[in-house]
Amino acid sequence: MNNQQTLLAGALFGTLAVALGAFGAHALKNLLTQNGRTEIYELAVRYHFYHALALLLIGILMRAENYNLSISALLIFFGVILFSGSLYLYALTGIRFLNFFTPVGGVLMLAGWIALAYQVYKHN
């Protein structure tokens, strides 16, 4: 991902996180409460939003400081899709198989943060 794609992804992920959070708090509130999965949905929104901000930060660093952070951006991007996406789907459907993707997404997000730390450390 280049800096423009990373900034765009961060902005779109942020928009989506706010929209899904509001949708969950209002339109889906009864469904999530009845199924006891409100906390799971809220966790998905929280990590989704945190990593939207991370993508914005990475995009800014790529543009302003000429960091090579495309791998970090990609890892976080796909990590959000797998981690938050699987939690959203599980919270709404109850399909347990989706829980397989959650830790994979978490590992990708962790790897993205590690890649970011490495590039910042390496950059003079």
C-alpha atoms as a PDB file:
ATOM      1  CA  MET A   1       0.000   0.000   0.000  1.00  0.00           C
ATOM      2  CA  ASN A   2       1.242   3.482  -0.716  1.00  0.00           C
ATOM      3  CA  ASN A   3       0.566   6.477   1.515  1.00  0.00           C
ATOM      4  CA  GLN A   4      -2.565   7.580  -0.358  1.00  0.00           C
ATOM      5  CA  GLN A   5      -4.084   4.091  -0.225  1.00  0.00           C
ATOM      6  CA  THR A   6      -3.193   3.807   3.456  1.00  0.00           C
ATOM      7  CA  LEU A   7      -4.765   7.173   4.305  1.00  0.00           C
ATOM      8  CA  LEU A   8      -7.851   6.283   2.294  1.00  0.00           C
ATOM      9  CA  ALA A   9      -8.136   2.900   4.022  1.00  0.00           C
ATOM     10  CA  GLY A  10      -7.773   4.570   7.437  1.00  0.00           C
ATOM     11  CA  ALA A  11     -10.432   7.153   6.625  1.00  0.00           C
ATOM     12  CA  LEU A  12     -12.837   4.539   5.239  1.00  0.00           C
ATOM     13  CA  PHE A  13     -12.204   2.151   8.137  1.00  0.00           C
ATOM     14  CA  GLY A  14     -12.843   5.019  10.572  1.00  0.00           C
ATOM     15  CA  THR A  15     -16.097   5.894   8.820  1.00  0.00           C
ATOM     16  CA  LEU A  16     -17.175   2.262   8.811  1.00  0.00           C
ATOM     17  CA  ALA A  17     -16.264   1.799  12.490  1.00  0.00           C
ATOM     18  CA  VAL A  18     -18.395   4.774  13.509  1.00  0.00           C
ATOM     19  CA  ALA A  19     -21.291   3.613  11.324  1.00  0.00           C
ATOM     20  CA  LEU A  20     -21.144   0.005  12.569  1.00  0.00           C
ATOM     21  CA  GLY A  21     -20.814   1.194  16.161  1.00  0.00           C
ATOM     22  CA  ALA A  22     -23.900   3.371  15.844  1.00  0.00           C
ATOM     23  CA  PHE A  23     -25.789   0.635  13.998  1.00  0.00           C
ATOM     24  CA  GLY A  24     -24.902  -1.849  16.731  1.00  0.00           C
ATOM     25  CA  ALA A  25     -25.904   0.536  19.504  1.00  0.00           C
ATOM     26  CA  HIS A  26     -29.289   1.256  17.966  1.00  0.00           C
ATOM     27  CA  ALA A  27     -30.617  -1.010  15.209  1.00  0.00           C
ATOM     28  CA  LEU A  28     -28.892  -4.178  16.421  1.00  0.00           C
ATOM     29  CA  LYS A  29     -29.120  -3.533  20.150  1.00  0.00           C
ATOM     30  CA  ASN A  30     -31.981  -5.977  20.807  1.00  0.00           C
ATOM     31  CA  LEU A  31     -30.459  -8.750  18.686  1.00  0.00           C
ATOM     32  CA  LEU A  32     -27.029  -8.418  20.298  1.00  0.00           C
ATOM     33  CA  THR A  33     -28.504  -8.233  23.799  1.00  0.00           C
ATOM     34  CA  GLN A  34     -30.784 -11.256  23.275  1.00  0.00           C
ATOM     35  CA  ASN A  35     -27.874 -13.332  22.010  1.00  0.00           C
ATOM     36  CA  GLY A  36     -25.468 -12.090  24.704  1.00  0.00           C
ATOM     37  CA  ARG A  37     -22.969 -10.866  22.132  1.00  0.00           C
ATOM     38  CA  THR A  38     -22.990  -7.116  22.735  1.00  0.00           C
ATOM     39  CA  GLU A  39     -19.476  -7.184  24.220  1.00  0.00           C
ATOM     40  CA  ILE A  40     -18.128  -9.100  21.227  1.00  0.00           C
ATOM     41  CA  TYR A  41     -19.605  -6.566  18.823  1.00  0.00           C
ATOM     42  CA  GLU A  42     -18.240  -3.659  20.883  1.00  0.00           C
ATOM     43  CA  LEU A  43     -14.776  -5.277  20.901  1.00  0.00           C
ATOM     44  CA  ALA A  44     -14.900  -5.531  17.110  1.00  0.00           C
ATOM     45  CA  VAL A  45     -15.828  -1.842  16.828  1.00  0.00           C
ATOM     46  CA  ARG A  46     -13.129  -0.778  19.285  1.00  0.00           C
ATOM     47  CA  TYR A  47     -10.282  -2.608  17.553  1.00  0.00           C
ATOM     48  CA  HIS A  48     -11.636  -1.580  14.160  1.00  0.00           C
ATOM     49  CA  PHE A  49     -11.510   2.079  15.156  1.00  0.00           C
ATOM     50  CA  TYR A  50      -8.109   1.890  16.867  1.00  0.00           C
ATOM     51  CA  HIS A  51      -6.593   0.396  13.758  1.00  0.00           C
ATOM     52  CA  ALA A  52      -8.303   2.913  11.483  1.00  0.00           C
ATOM     53  CA  LEU A  53      -6.383   5.541  13.452  1.00  0.00           C
ATOM     54  CA  ALA A  54      -3.217   3.455  13.142  1.00  0.00           C
ATOM     55  CA  LEU A  55      -3.603   3.369   9.367  1.00  0.00           C
ATOM     56  CA  LEU A  56      -3.980   7.149   9.326  1.00  0.00           C
ATOM     57  CA  LEU A  57      -0.811   7.504  11.401  1.00  0.00           C
ATOM     58  CA  ILE A  58       1.057   5.119   9.111  1.00  0.00           C
ATOM     59  CA  GLY A  59      -0.142   7.008   6.034  1.00  0.00           C
ATOM     60  CA  ILE A  60       1.022  10.302   7.523  1.00  0.00           C
ATOM     61  CA  LEU A  61       4.432   8.841   8.384  1.00  0.00           C
ATOM     62  CA  MET A  62       4.748   7.432   4.882  1.00  0.00           C
ATOM     63  CA  ARG A  63       4.000  10.841   3.371  1.00  0.00           C
ATOM     64  CA  ALA A  64       5.791  13.186   5.780  1.00  0.00           C
ATOM     65  CA  GLU A  65       8.818  11.160   6.805  1.00  0.00           C
ATOM     66  CA  ASN A  66       9.253   8.891   3.784  1.00  0.00           C
ATOM     67  CA  TYR A  67       8.987   5.708   5.839  1.00  0.00           C
ATOM     68  CA  ASN A  68       8.620   2.389   4.037  1.00  0.00           C
ATOM     69  CA  LEU A  69       5.547   1.166   5.884  1.00  0.00           C
ATOM     70  CA  SER A  70       3.579  -0.560   3.154  1.00  0.00           C
ATOM     71  CA  ILE A  71       3.966  -3.984   4.794  1.00  0.00           C
ATOM     72  CA  SER A  72       2.813  -2.615   8.146  1.00  0.00           C
ATOM     73  CA  ALA A  73      -0.207  -1.016   6.475  1.00  0.00           C
ATOM     74  CA  LEU A  74      -1.134  -4.223   4.645  1.00  0.00           C
ATOM     75  CA  LEU A  75      -0.810  -6.357   7.769  1.00  0.00           C
ATOM     76  CA  ILE A  76      -3.021  -4.029   9.771  1.00  0.00           C
ATOM     77  CA  PHE A  77      -5.509  -3.682   6.910  1.00  0.00           C
ATOM     78  CA  PHE A  78      -6.021  -7.426   6.550  1.00  0.00           C
ATOM     79  CA  GLY A  79      -5.815  -7.902  10.310  1.00  0.00           C
ATOM     80  CA  VAL A  80      -8.779  -5.573  10.808  1.00  0.00           C
ATOM     81  CA  ILE A  81     -10.775  -7.369   8.136  1.00  0.00           C
ATOM     82  CA  LEU A  82     -10.164 -10.780   9.706  1.00  0.00           C
ATOM     83  CA  PHE A  83     -10.264  -9.777  13.392  1.00  0.00           C
ATOM     84  CA  SER A  84     -13.120  -7.287  13.482  1.00  0.00           C
ATOM     85  CA  GLY A  85     -14.890  -8.805  10.499  1.00  0.00           C
ATOM     86  CA  SER A  86     -15.052 -12.242  12.080  1.00  0.00           C
ATOM     87  CA  LEU A  87     -16.243 -10.775  15.380  1.00  0.00           C
ATOM     88  CA  TYR A  88     -18.951  -8.729  13.663  1.00  0.00           C
ATOM     89  CA  LEU A  89     -20.172 -11.775  11.772  1.00  0.00           C
ATOM     90  CA  TYR A  90     -20.042 -14.015  14.833  1.00  0.00           C
ATOM     91  CA  ALA A  91     -21.898 -11.447  16.958  1.00  0.00           C
ATOM     92  CA  LEU A  92     -24.644 -11.250  14.347  1.00  0.00           C
ATOM     93  CA  THR A  93     -24.901 -14.889  13.262  1.00  0.00           C
ATOM     94  CA  GLY A  94     -23.533 -17.004  16.108  1.00  0.00           C
ATOM     95  CA  ILE A  95     -21.574 -19.136  13.640  1.00  0.00           C
ATOM     96  CA  ARG A  96     -18.689 -20.414  15.781  1.00  0.00           C
ATOM     97  CA  PHE A  97     -16.476 -21.332  12.823  1.00  0.00           C
ATOM     98  CA  LEU A  98     -15.890 -17.610  12.307  1.00  0.00           C
ATOM     99  CA  ASN A  99     -13.934 -17.554  15.578  1.00  0.00           C
ATOM    100  CA  PHE A 100     -11.105 -19.314  13.728  1.00  0.00           C
ATOM    101  CA  PHE A 101     -10.347 -16.092  11.824  1.00  0.00           C
ATOM    102  CA  THR A 102     -10.242 -13.814  14.872  1.00  0.00           C
ATOM    103  CA  PRO A 103      -6.808 -14.849  16.212  1.00  0.00           C
ATOM    104  CA  VAL A 104      -5.377 -14.861  12.678  1.00  0.00           C
ATOM    105  CA  GLY A 105      -6.502 -11.254  12.338  1.00  0.00           C
ATOM    106  CA  GLY A 106      -5.042 -10.450  15.750  1.00  0.00           C
ATOM    107  CA  VAL A 107      -1.685 -11.908  14.769  1.00  0.00           C
ATOM    108  CA  LEU A 108      -1.720  -9.860  11.560  1.00  0.00           C
ATOM    109  CA  MET A 109      -2.430  -6.688  13.537  1.00  0.00           C
ATOM    110  CA  LEU A 110       0.378  -7.510  15.963  1.00  0.00           C
ATOM    111  CA  ALA A 111       2.714  -8.157  13.045  1.00  0.00           C
ATOM    112  CA  GLY A 112       1.696  -4.794  11.584  1.00  0.00           C
ATOM    113  CA  TRP A 113       2.605  -3.024  14.813  1.00  0.00           C
ATOM    114  CA  ILE A 114       5.915  -4.894  14.994  1.00  0.00           C
ATOM    115  CA  ALA A 115       6.671  -3.980  11.373  1.00  0.00           C
ATOM    116  CA  LEU A 116       5.887  -0.360  12.209  1.00  0.00           C
ATOM    117  CA  ALA A 117       8.187  -0.427  15.252  1.00  0.00           C
ATOM    118  CA  TYR A 118      10.963  -2.012  13.202  1.00  0.00           C
ATOM    119  CA  GLN A 119      10.746   0.607  10.459  1.00  0.00           C
ATOM    120  CA  VAL A 120      10.687   3.459  12.985  1.00  0.00           C
ATOM    121  CA  TYR A 121      13.717   1.963  14.752  1.00  0.00           C
ATOM    122  CA  LYS A 122      15.539   1.428  11.455  1.00  0.00           C
ATOM    123  CA  HIS A 123      14.743   4.926  10.128  1.00  0.00           C
ATOM    124  CA  ASN A 124      17.413   7.498  11.007  1.00  0.00           C
END
